Amino acid sequence: MRAPPLDLRLLEAFEAIYVEKSLTNAALKLSMTQPAVSQALTKMRAHFGDPLFVRTAAGMEPTPRAKELFVSVGVILREARVALVARPVFDPVNSGREFVIATTDLGAAALLPPLIEAVRQRAPQTRILSVNADAHDLNEELGAGDIALAIGNFPNLQSGIYCQGLYQETYVLLAHRERVAKSGGISLEQFCQARHVLVTAGNSGHFHGEVEKHLRALIRPELIVATVSSFLVAPLVARDNDLLVIVPQRVASIFAAMMSLEELPLPIELPAYPITQYWHARYHNDPGTVWMRRLVHELYSQSGPGGADSAVTLLAPDPAASVAE
C-alpha cells in the first residue's frame, strides 16, 4: 500500500512535536488546532511506518526512527524557508552570470565598449554576450530569457515587454576631410549635387526606414551611387570613394576619430529617434536583470540616473500600465 505523501506542513508539525514534546504546545507554536496536529502525526506515522513519538511522563518522546529523521527534516525546512521567503539577490562582485544583449551593429559599436568596461570594473566575473538583434526573434527570446536586454529602436516589439528610454539619437553628415577643407563645409546646394552612399533599413522596421524615404526623395537617384545595410560599412565606402553619408551621431564620432572623415551638421532637417532598452515582464524583478538595466540607464541616459526619462512602460493593451524606476 502506497504511503500518503508528505508536505512541508507535516514536516513542520514533526519538527514542532520533536522540539516541544507536546501536541498542545506544537499546535500553539504552529497556530494550529491540537486535532490538526494529531491528524498530521497520524499521516506521518502511516508514511514512515513508525510511531515516531510515544507519550511518556516526560511528554512526547521521539522513537529512534524520529531521531534519525530530525536532522534531515530540519535541513529540508531550512532550505524551503530560504527559497520561499528570502528574496534572491544579485552579487555583482562574485557573480559569474552571462548577460545576452541584443542590439544592431551600430548599437554594438557605440554602446558595448563603455558597457563592457563598466561591467569589468563592477562585476569582474560577469560576461557580456552581444548578438545581432536583426537575426533574432526578440519577442520570443526576451520572453524565454535567452536575451536579457535589447537596446536600440525596435518598434515591432509586442505586449509583455517593458521599455525605458535612454537618449535621442540624431543624424550628422560625414565627408572626406580633404573635401571639407577645400569647400569650407557642405552647403545645402553642395549636398544636393554631391554623390552619396545611402544606408538602407530594408525590412527591419527600424525608424531609419522613414529617414531613408526622405533622403531618396531629396537626393537624385543617379547621385546615390551605393546603398549598404550597415552604418559601420557606409563610412568606409564614403571615405574610399569621396562620397557623402548620413549616419547617427554616435557612429560618426567613432569613424571621424579613426579615419580621414569630418563630422558636419546636416544642411537638412531630419528627425531624431529614441534609443531604448527592452526586457520581458517575466524578468522585471529578476535581481540580475534589474542590476544590468540600471547600469545601462546610468551609462546612456541623457538625464542621468533617476532623471526625467527614467519612466518604465509596459507594452500592453492597457496604456496606463507604467511604473517609475
Protein backbone atom coordinates (compact mmCIF):
# COMPACT_ATOMS: atom_id res chain seq x y z
CA MET A 1 0.00 0.00 0.00
CA ARG A 2 1.39 3.35 -1.02
CA ALA A 3 2.16 5.77 1.86
CA PRO A 4 0.36 9.14 1.82
CA PRO A 5 2.56 11.98 0.51
CA LEU A 6 4.23 14.44 2.86
CA ASP A 7 4.09 18.19 2.53
CA LEU A 8 6.00 20.94 4.30
CA ARG A 9 3.21 21.48 6.81
CA LEU A 10 3.55 17.88 8.01
CA LEU A 11 7.30 18.29 8.35
CA GLU A 12 6.76 21.49 10.34
CA ALA A 13 4.42 19.54 12.65
CA PHE A 14 7.06 16.84 13.07
CA GLU A 15 9.71 19.43 14.00
CA ALA A 16 7.38 21.21 16.44
CA ILE A 17 6.36 17.97 18.22
CA TYR A 18 10.02 16.94 18.45
CA VAL A 19 11.08 20.26 20.00
CA GLU A 20 8.04 20.91 22.19
CA LYS A 21 7.43 17.25 23.28
CA SER A 22 3.74 18.16 23.37
CA LEU A 23 0.94 18.13 20.82
CA THR A 24 -0.70 21.07 22.58
CA ASN A 25 2.43 23.22 22.56
CA ALA A 26 3.23 22.21 18.99
CA ALA A 27 -0.25 23.33 17.97
CA LEU A 28 0.24 26.70 19.67
CA LYS A 29 3.62 27.16 18.00
CA LEU A 30 2.20 26.44 14.55
CA SER A 31 -1.10 28.33 15.11
CA MET A 32 -2.97 25.08 14.51
CA THR A 33 -5.57 23.20 16.50
CA GLN A 34 -4.50 20.16 18.53
CA PRO A 35 -6.70 17.81 16.45
CA ALA A 36 -4.96 19.11 13.30
CA VAL A 37 -1.55 18.32 14.82
CA SER A 38 -2.79 14.87 15.87
CA GLN A 39 -4.01 14.27 12.34
CA ALA A 40 -0.62 15.35 10.94
CA LEU A 41 1.11 12.91 13.26
CA THR A 42 -1.21 10.12 12.11
CA LYS A 43 -0.29 10.81 8.47
CA MET A 44 3.43 10.82 9.27
CA ARG A 45 3.17 7.54 11.20
CA ALA A 46 1.48 5.96 8.19
CA HIS A 47 4.09 7.34 5.84
CA PHE A 48 7.14 6.20 7.82
CA GLY A 49 5.62 3.04 9.28
CA ASP A 50 6.76 4.07 12.74
CA PRO A 51 5.06 5.62 15.83
CA LEU A 52 7.64 8.43 15.72
CA PHE A 53 6.53 9.82 19.11
CA VAL A 54 5.42 7.92 22.22
CA ARG A 55 3.57 9.54 25.12
CA THR A 56 5.53 9.31 28.40
CA ALA A 57 5.53 11.08 31.74
CA ALA A 58 8.09 13.48 30.30
CA GLY A 59 5.98 14.24 27.23
CA MET A 60 6.01 13.00 23.63
CA GLU A 61 9.35 11.25 23.31
CA PRO A 62 10.81 10.51 19.84
CA THR A 63 11.48 6.97 18.71
CA PRO A 64 14.90 6.05 17.27
CA ARG A 65 13.41 6.50 13.77
CA ALA A 66 12.22 10.00 14.65
CA LYS A 67 15.70 10.86 15.94
CA GLU A 68 17.16 9.74 12.62
CA LEU A 69 14.68 11.88 10.70
CA PHE A 70 15.02 15.03 12.77
CA VAL A 71 18.26 16.30 11.20
CA SER A 72 17.05 15.67 7.63
CA VAL A 73 13.69 17.30 8.30
CA GLY A 74 15.48 20.37 9.70
CA VAL A 75 17.64 20.67 6.57
CA ILE A 76 14.61 20.39 4.28
CA LEU A 77 12.66 23.02 6.21
CA ARG A 78 15.60 25.47 6.34
CA GLU A 79 16.18 25.21 2.60
CA ALA A 80 12.48 25.60 1.88
CA ARG A 81 12.21 28.68 4.11
CA VAL A 82 15.20 30.31 2.43
CA ALA A 83 13.87 29.55 -1.05
CA LEU A 84 10.30 30.64 -0.34
CA VAL A 85 10.85 33.58 1.98
CA ALA A 86 14.23 35.10 1.27
CA ARG A 87 14.37 37.42 -1.73
CA PRO A 88 17.03 36.42 -4.26
CA VAL A 89 19.93 38.85 -4.63
CA PHE A 90 22.48 39.57 -7.32
CA ASP A 91 26.05 39.99 -6.08
CA PRO A 92 27.89 41.69 -8.97
CA VAL A 93 31.32 41.28 -7.37
CA ASN A 94 31.07 37.50 -7.19
CA SER A 95 28.55 36.68 -9.91
CA GLY A 96 29.70 34.71 -12.94
CA ARG A 97 26.44 35.33 -14.81
CA GLU A 98 26.35 35.85 -18.57
CA PHE A 99 24.06 38.58 -19.93
CA VAL A 100 23.00 38.34 -23.56
CA ILE A 101 22.48 41.82 -25.06
CA ALA A 102 20.73 42.17 -28.42
CA THR A 103 21.43 45.27 -30.48
CA THR A 104 22.26 46.34 -34.03
CA ASP A 105 25.78 46.55 -35.43
CA LEU A 106 25.63 50.29 -34.78
CA GLY A 107 24.50 49.71 -31.21
CA ALA A 108 27.26 47.18 -30.63
CA ALA A 109 29.92 49.62 -31.84
CA ALA A 110 28.59 52.65 -29.98
CA LEU A 111 27.24 51.17 -26.76
CA LEU A 112 29.07 47.97 -25.89
CA PRO A 113 32.63 49.27 -25.25
CA PRO A 114 31.64 51.53 -22.31
CA LEU A 115 29.18 48.92 -21.02
CA ILE A 116 31.79 46.15 -21.05
CA GLU A 117 34.28 48.43 -19.31
CA ALA A 118 31.76 49.31 -16.60
CA VAL A 119 30.86 45.65 -16.09
CA ARG A 120 34.56 44.74 -15.90
CA GLN A 121 35.05 47.30 -13.13
CA ARG A 122 31.94 46.46 -11.10
CA ALA A 123 31.32 42.78 -11.84
CA PRO A 124 34.68 41.32 -12.95
CA GLN A 125 33.41 37.75 -13.34
CA THR A 126 30.25 38.71 -15.22
CA ARG A 127 30.25 38.24 -19.01
CA ILE A 128 28.52 40.16 -21.80
CA LEU A 129 27.48 38.29 -24.94
CA SER A 130 26.38 40.54 -27.81
CA VAL A 131 24.02 39.21 -30.51
CA ASN A 132 22.67 40.91 -33.62
CA ALA A 133 19.07 41.92 -32.98
CA ASP A 134 18.19 41.64 -36.67
CA ALA A 135 18.98 37.91 -36.61
CA HIS A 136 16.79 37.08 -33.60
CA ASP A 137 13.10 36.99 -32.69
CA LEU A 138 13.27 39.50 -29.86
CA ASN A 139 9.72 38.91 -28.61
CA GLU A 140 10.28 35.19 -28.25
CA GLU A 141 13.85 35.24 -26.95
CA LEU A 142 13.28 38.00 -24.41
CA GLY A 143 10.33 36.00 -23.09
CA ALA A 144 12.36 32.80 -22.95
CA GLY A 145 15.20 34.52 -21.11
CA ASP A 146 17.66 33.76 -23.93
CA ILE A 147 18.19 37.52 -24.29
CA ALA A 148 18.38 39.66 -21.14
CA LEU A 149 18.12 43.10 -22.77
CA ALA A 150 17.57 44.53 -26.22
CA ILE A 151 18.99 48.02 -26.76
CA GLY A 152 18.09 50.15 -29.75
CA ASN A 153 14.95 51.16 -31.60
CA PHE A 154 12.58 48.21 -32.06
CA PRO A 155 9.02 49.47 -32.64
CA ASN A 156 7.77 45.98 -33.59
CA LEU A 157 8.11 44.59 -30.07
CA GLN A 158 4.78 43.45 -28.62
CA SER A 159 2.92 43.34 -25.33
CA GLY A 160 4.62 41.81 -22.32
CA ILE A 161 7.80 43.80 -22.94
CA TYR A 162 8.98 46.64 -20.70
CA CYS A 163 10.82 49.56 -22.26
CA GLN A 164 12.80 52.51 -20.93
CA GLY A 165 14.06 55.45 -22.97
CA LEU A 166 17.77 56.21 -22.83
CA TYR A 167 18.57 59.04 -25.25
CA GLN A 168 17.62 60.64 -28.56
CA GLU A 169 19.91 59.76 -31.45
CA THR A 170 20.50 62.48 -34.06
CA TYR A 171 21.88 62.33 -37.60
CA VAL A 172 25.03 64.04 -38.86
CA LEU A 173 26.94 64.16 -42.11
CA LEU A 174 30.29 62.52 -42.78
CA ALA A 175 32.52 63.73 -45.61
CA HIS A 176 36.13 63.23 -46.57
CA ARG A 177 38.35 65.67 -44.70
CA GLU A 178 40.02 66.96 -47.88
CA ARG A 179 36.65 67.76 -49.45
CA VAL A 180 35.62 69.72 -46.37
CA ALA A 181 38.95 71.58 -46.28
CA LYS A 182 38.54 72.69 -49.91
CA SER A 183 34.89 73.73 -49.64
CA GLY A 184 34.92 75.01 -46.07
CA GLY A 185 31.85 72.91 -45.30
CA ILE A 186 28.89 71.36 -47.06
CA SER A 187 26.06 73.68 -48.03
CA LEU A 188 22.57 72.54 -48.99
CA GLU A 189 23.38 73.12 -52.66
CA GLN A 190 26.60 71.12 -52.41
CA PHE A 191 24.76 68.38 -50.55
CA CYS A 192 22.14 68.05 -53.30
CA GLN A 193 24.78 67.96 -56.05
CA ALA A 194 27.21 65.54 -54.35
CA ARG A 195 27.35 61.78 -54.70
CA HIS A 196 26.13 59.71 -51.75
CA VAL A 197 26.24 56.30 -50.16
CA LEU A 198 22.92 55.56 -48.52
CA VAL A 199 22.21 53.23 -45.61
CA THR A 200 19.04 51.21 -46.18
CA ALA A 201 16.85 49.84 -43.40
CA GLY A 202 15.48 47.05 -45.60
CA ASN A 203 12.63 45.18 -43.90
CA SER A 204 13.96 45.66 -40.37
CA GLY A 205 11.16 48.01 -39.33
CA HIS A 206 13.76 50.40 -37.90
CA PHE A 207 12.96 54.10 -37.66
CA HIS A 208 15.71 54.76 -40.21
CA GLY A 209 13.36 53.45 -42.88
CA GLU A 210 11.41 56.73 -42.69
CA VAL A 211 14.62 58.75 -42.90
CA GLU A 212 15.69 56.68 -45.90
CA LYS A 213 12.44 57.56 -47.72
CA HIS A 214 13.04 61.25 -47.00
CA LEU A 215 16.59 61.10 -48.36
CA ARG A 216 15.60 59.22 -51.50
CA ALA A 217 13.01 61.92 -52.23
CA LEU A 218 15.63 64.64 -51.73
CA ILE A 219 18.67 63.15 -53.50
CA ARG A 220 18.52 62.46 -57.24
CA PRO A 221 18.72 58.69 -57.91
CA GLU A 222 21.81 58.97 -60.09
CA LEU A 223 23.67 60.58 -57.18
CA ILE A 224 23.03 57.62 -54.88
CA VAL A 225 25.94 55.57 -56.18
CA ALA A 226 25.81 52.88 -53.48
CA THR A 227 23.47 51.53 -50.83
CA VAL A 228 24.59 49.39 -47.89
CA SER A 229 22.73 47.80 -44.99
CA SER A 230 25.22 48.71 -42.28
CA PHE A 231 26.03 52.03 -40.64
CA LEU A 232 29.50 50.65 -39.97
CA VAL A 233 30.22 49.85 -43.61
CA ALA A 234 28.85 53.09 -45.06
CA PRO A 235 31.63 55.37 -43.70
CA LEU A 236 34.28 53.06 -45.19
CA VAL A 237 32.61 53.30 -48.59
CA ALA A 238 32.28 57.08 -48.23
CA ARG A 239 35.96 57.52 -47.33
CA ASP A 240 37.34 55.42 -50.15
CA ASN A 241 35.05 56.88 -52.82
CA ASP A 242 34.75 60.51 -51.70
CA LEU A 243 31.04 60.17 -51.04
CA LEU A 244 28.76 61.83 -48.53
CA VAL A 245 26.97 59.68 -45.97
CA ILE A 246 24.39 60.42 -43.29
CA VAL A 247 24.79 58.39 -40.09
CA PRO A 248 23.76 58.61 -36.44
CA GLN A 249 26.00 60.88 -34.40
CA ARG A 250 27.44 58.14 -32.18
CA VAL A 251 28.81 56.13 -35.08
CA ALA A 252 30.03 59.33 -36.76
CA SER A 253 32.14 60.12 -33.72
CA ILE A 254 33.78 56.70 -33.89
CA PHE A 255 34.71 56.94 -37.56
CA ALA A 256 35.70 60.61 -37.51
CA ALA A 257 38.28 59.77 -34.86
CA MET A 258 39.65 56.78 -36.79
CA MET A 259 39.60 57.93 -40.43
CA SER A 260 40.06 60.92 -42.69
CA LEU A 261 36.41 61.86 -42.26
CA GLU A 262 34.89 65.06 -40.95
CA GLU A 263 31.71 65.16 -38.89
CA LEU A 264 29.44 68.00 -40.03
CA PRO A 265 25.98 69.27 -39.12
CA LEU A 266 23.29 68.38 -41.62
CA PRO A 267 22.24 71.04 -44.15
CA ILE A 268 18.77 69.47 -43.99
CA GLU A 269 16.44 68.66 -41.10
CA LEU A 270 15.99 65.04 -40.08
CA PRO A 271 14.10 63.81 -37.04
CA ALA A 272 15.90 62.24 -34.09
CA TYR A 273 14.89 58.79 -32.91
CA PRO A 274 14.81 57.26 -29.43
CA ILE A 275 17.28 54.64 -28.22
CA THR A 276 15.50 52.39 -25.74
CA GLN A 277 16.24 49.34 -23.64
CA TYR A 278 13.73 46.48 -23.56
CA TRP A 279 13.21 43.45 -21.31
CA HIS A 280 10.44 40.92 -20.75
CA ALA A 281 7.89 41.20 -17.93
CA ARG A 282 8.92 37.73 -16.71
CA TYR A 283 12.31 39.15 -15.72
CA HIS A 284 11.18 42.55 -14.49
CA ASN A 285 12.03 41.68 -10.87
CA ASP A 286 14.98 39.39 -11.56
CA PRO A 287 17.82 40.92 -9.49
CA GLY A 288 20.47 40.38 -12.15
CA THR A 289 18.37 41.93 -14.90
CA VAL A 290 17.48 44.84 -12.61
CA TRP A 291 21.18 45.46 -11.94
CA MET A 292 22.11 45.33 -15.62
CA ARG A 293 19.36 47.61 -16.87
CA ARG A 294 20.10 50.16 -14.14
CA LEU A 295 23.74 50.14 -15.22
CA VAL A 296 22.69 50.66 -18.85
CA HIS A 297 20.45 53.55 -17.82
CA GLU A 298 23.23 55.09 -15.74
CA LEU A 299 25.68 54.93 -18.66
CA TYR A 300 23.46 56.11 -21.50
CA SER A 301 20.55 58.10 -20.14
CA GLN A 302 20.71 61.74 -21.21
CA SER A 303 19.26 62.85 -17.89
CA GLY A 304 21.35 60.52 -15.73
CA PRO A 305 20.12 58.02 -13.12
CA GLY A 306 16.65 58.87 -11.85
CA GLY A 307 16.24 61.56 -14.47
CA ALA A 308 13.19 62.64 -16.41
CA ASP A 309 13.43 59.77 -18.93
CA SER A 310 13.51 57.10 -16.22
CA ALA A 311 9.88 56.13 -16.85
CA VAL A 312 9.45 52.41 -17.47
CA THR A 313 6.50 51.46 -19.65
CA LEU A 314 4.95 48.05 -20.21
CA LEU A 315 3.99 47.42 -23.82
CA ALA A 316 0.47 46.22 -23.14
CA PRO A 317 -3.09 46.98 -24.24
CA ASP A 318 -3.55 48.98 -21.03
CA PRO A 319 -1.99 52.42 -21.74
CA ALA A 320 -1.93 53.17 -18.01
CA ALA A 321 0.48 50.30 -17.32
CA SER A 322 3.61 52.22 -16.37
CA VAL A 323 5.89 52.48 -13.39
CA ALA A 324 8.74 54.68 -12.28
CA GLU A 325 12.14 53.20 -11.68
